[in-house]
C-alpha atoms as a PDB file:
ATOM      1  CA  MET A   1      -0.002  -0.006   0.049  1.00  0.00           C
ATOM      2  CA  ALA A   2       2.825   2.395   0.689  1.00  0.00           C
ATOM      3  CA  THR A   3       4.089   1.921  -2.877  1.00  0.00           C
ATOM      4  CA  ARG A   4       0.775   3.288  -4.184  1.00  0.00           C
ATOM      5  CA  ARG A   5       0.992   6.396  -2.022  1.00  0.00           C
ATOM      6  CA  THR A   6       4.532   7.041  -3.057  1.00  0.00           C
ATOM      7  CA  ALA A   7       3.612   6.668  -6.755  1.00  0.00           C
ATOM      8  CA  ALA A   8       0.700   8.999  -6.234  1.00  0.00           C
ATOM      9  CA  ARG A   9       3.070  11.723  -4.934  1.00  0.00           C
ATOM     10  CA  ARG A  10       5.350  11.475  -7.802  1.00  0.00           C
ATOM     11  CA  LYS A  11       5.436  14.061 -10.479  1.00  0.00           C
ATOM     12  CA  PRO A  12       3.704  13.141 -13.637  1.00  0.00           C
ATOM     13  CA  ALA A  13       5.981  12.128 -16.556  1.00  0.00           C
ATOM     14  CA  ALA A  14       6.858  14.942 -18.940  1.00  0.00           C
ATOM     15  CA  THR A  15       4.917  14.837 -22.234  1.00  0.00           C
ATOM     16  CA  GLU A  16       7.721  16.346 -24.279  1.00  0.00           C
ATOM     17  CA  GLY A  17      11.326  15.570 -24.229  1.00  0.00           C
ATOM     18  CA  ILE A  18      14.315  14.699 -26.293  1.00  0.00           C
ATOM     19  CA  LEU A  19      16.125  11.443 -27.091  1.00  0.00           C
ATOM     20  CA  LEU A  20      19.747  11.544 -25.953  1.00  0.00           C
ATOM     21  CA  ARG A  21      22.039   9.187 -27.705  1.00  0.00           C
ATOM     22  CA  TYR A  22      25.504   8.826 -26.363  1.00  0.00           C
ATOM     23  CA  ARG A  23      28.491   8.839 -28.564  1.00  0.00           C
ATOM     24  CA  ASP A  24      30.777   5.857 -29.177  1.00  0.00           C
ATOM     25  CA  LYS A  25      33.761   7.904 -28.061  1.00  0.00           C
ATOM     26  CA  ASP A  26      34.221  11.228 -26.424  1.00  0.00           C
ATOM     27  CA  THR A  27      34.394  14.256 -28.808  1.00  0.00           C
ATOM     28  CA  PRO A  28      34.225  18.019 -28.447  1.00  0.00           C
ATOM     29  CA  TYR A  29      30.400  17.674 -29.291  1.00  0.00           C
ATOM     30  CA  GLY A  30      29.415  14.567 -27.396  1.00  0.00           C
ATOM     31  CA  VAL A  31      30.345  12.136 -24.661  1.00  0.00           C
ATOM     32  CA  THR A  32      30.036   8.471 -23.984  1.00  0.00           C
ATOM     33  CA  ARG A  33      27.739   7.105 -21.339  1.00  0.00           C
ATOM     34  CA  GLY A  34      30.721   6.164 -19.329  1.00  0.00           C
ATOM     35  CA  THR A  35      31.764   9.789 -19.165  1.00  0.00           C
ATOM     36  CA  ALA A  36      28.318  10.860 -18.123  1.00  0.00           C
ATOM     37  CA  ILE A  37      28.204   8.310 -15.438  1.00  0.00           C
ATOM     38  CA  ARG A  38      31.646   9.389 -14.091  1.00  0.00           C
ATOM     39  CA  LEU A  39      30.465  13.042 -14.169  1.00  0.00           C
ATOM     40  CA  ALA A  40      27.270  12.117 -12.325  1.00  0.00           C
ATOM     41  CA  ALA A  41      29.226  10.270  -9.566  1.00  0.00           C
ATOM     42  CA  SER A  42      31.776  13.027  -9.347  1.00  0.00           C
ATOM     43  CA  LEU A  43      29.203  15.772  -8.908  1.00  0.00           C
ATOM     44  CA  GLY A  44      26.778  13.628  -6.865  1.00  0.00           C
ATOM     45  CA  LEU A  45      24.019  14.124  -9.419  1.00  0.00           C
ATOM     46  CA  SER A  46      21.903  11.963 -11.636  1.00  0.00           C
ATOM     47  CA  GLU A  47      22.703  11.609 -15.401  1.00  0.00           C
ATOM     48  CA  THR A  48      19.717  13.742 -16.245  1.00  0.00           C
ATOM     49  CA  GLN A  49      20.930  16.421 -13.911  1.00  0.00           C
ATOM     50  CA  VAL A  50      24.265  16.342 -15.534  1.00  0.00           C
ATOM     51  CA  VAL A  51      22.702  16.909 -18.929  1.00  0.00           C
ATOM     52  CA  HIS A  52      20.661  19.866 -17.483  1.00  0.00           C
ATOM     53  CA  VAL A  53      23.878  21.360 -15.843  1.00  0.00           C
ATOM     54  CA  ALA A  54      25.714  20.995 -19.172  1.00  0.00           C
ATOM     55  CA  LEU A  55      22.938  22.666 -21.104  1.00  0.00           C
ATOM     56  CA  ALA A  56      22.633  25.508 -18.621  1.00  0.00           C
ATOM     57  CA  SER A  57      26.364  26.127 -18.745  1.00  0.00           C
ATOM     58  CA  LEU A  58      26.296  26.106 -22.554  1.00  0.00           C
ATOM     59  CA  ALA A  59      23.372  28.610 -22.538  1.00  0.00           C
ATOM     60  CA  ARG A  60      25.312  31.013 -20.215  1.00  0.00           C
ATOM     61  CA  GLN A  61      28.309  30.866 -22.431  1.00  0.00           C
ATOM     62  CA  THR A  62      26.519  31.151 -25.831  1.00  0.00           C
ATOM     63  CA  LEU A  63      23.231  33.140 -25.552  1.00  0.00           C
ATOM     64  CA  PRO A  64      23.307  36.883 -25.188  1.00  0.00           C
ATOM     65  CA  ARG A  65      22.057  38.237 -21.785  1.00  0.00           C
ATOM     66  CA  TYR A  66      20.772  41.409 -23.316  1.00  0.00           C
ATOM     67  CA  GLN A  67      18.290  42.471 -25.944  1.00  0.00           C
ATOM     68  CA  VAL A  68      19.877  42.975 -29.339  1.00  0.00           C
ATOM     69  CA  ASP A  69      20.119  46.550 -30.371  1.00  0.00           C
ATOM     70  CA  GLU A  70      19.555  48.188 -33.805  1.00  0.00           C
ATOM     71  CA  GLY A  71      23.289  48.774 -34.400  1.00  0.00           C
ATOM     72  CA  PRO A  72      25.336  52.084 -34.598  1.00  0.00           C
ATOM     73  CA  LEU A  73      23.518  55.382 -34.083  1.00  0.00           C
ATOM     74  CA  THR A  74      22.480  57.269 -37.201  1.00  0.00           C
ATOM     75  CA  GLN A  75      23.747  60.725 -38.015  1.00  0.00           C
ATOM     76  CA  ALA A  76      20.277  62.223 -37.117  1.00  0.00           C
ATOM     77  CA  GLN A  77      20.555  60.600 -33.649  1.00  0.00           C
ATOM     78  CA  MET A  78      24.045  61.879 -33.163  1.00  0.00           C
ATOM     79  CA  ASP A  79      22.822  65.385 -34.103  1.00  0.00           C
ATOM     80  CA  ALA A  80      19.992  65.111 -31.579  1.00  0.00           C
ATOM     81  CA  ILE A  81      22.391  64.210 -28.832  1.00  0.00           C
ATOM     82  CA  ASP A  82      24.651  67.115 -29.699  1.00  0.00           C
ATOM     83  CA  ARG A  83      21.697  69.496 -29.526  1.00  0.00           C
ATOM     84  CA  LEU A  84      20.722  68.207 -26.016  1.00  0.00           C
ATOM     85  CA  GLN A  85      24.261  68.955 -24.646  1.00  0.00           C
ATOM     86  CA  PRO A  86      24.516  72.204 -22.670  1.00  0.00           C
ATOM     87  CA  PRO A  87      26.783  74.679 -24.494  1.00  0.00           C
ATOM     88  CA  GLY A  88      30.214  75.155 -23.039  1.00  0.00           C
ATOM     89  CA  ARG A  89      30.014  72.433 -20.290  1.00  0.00           C
ATOM     90  CA  MET A  90      31.273  69.244 -21.796  1.00  0.00           C
ATOM     91  CA  LYS A  91      31.971  67.772 -25.058  1.00  0.00           C
ATOM     92  CA  ALA A  92      30.257  64.478 -25.817  1.00  0.00           C
ATOM     93  CA  GLY A  93      32.677  61.766 -26.997  1.00  0.00           C
ATOM     94  CA  LYS A  94      31.838  60.039 -30.220  1.00  0.00           C
ATOM     95  CA  ARG A  95      33.763  56.861 -29.530  1.00  0.00           C
ATOM     96  CA  LEU A  96      34.064  54.572 -26.495  1.00  0.00           C
ATOM     97  CA  PHE A  97      37.722  53.671 -27.155  1.00  0.00           C
END
């Protein structure tokens, strides 16, 4: 009976997912199951958690953390900035470096 209660408390299975096929040998773009098992044991995580940690790390390294802008300012925008500067106080720099 305790098994039924435990099963009832479990999270329902995800309806969407991916199929992960391990590589035959370790490469820069994939690992063997043995490597995943060693990583899981070393980190104290499950194999699934190791995959999530790896994906989260790749996302931090790869995806931008800011909204993409429209590129350099146009000459009209630069002229508007120049008009907003108080005369004689400071000169606005045109370049960052």
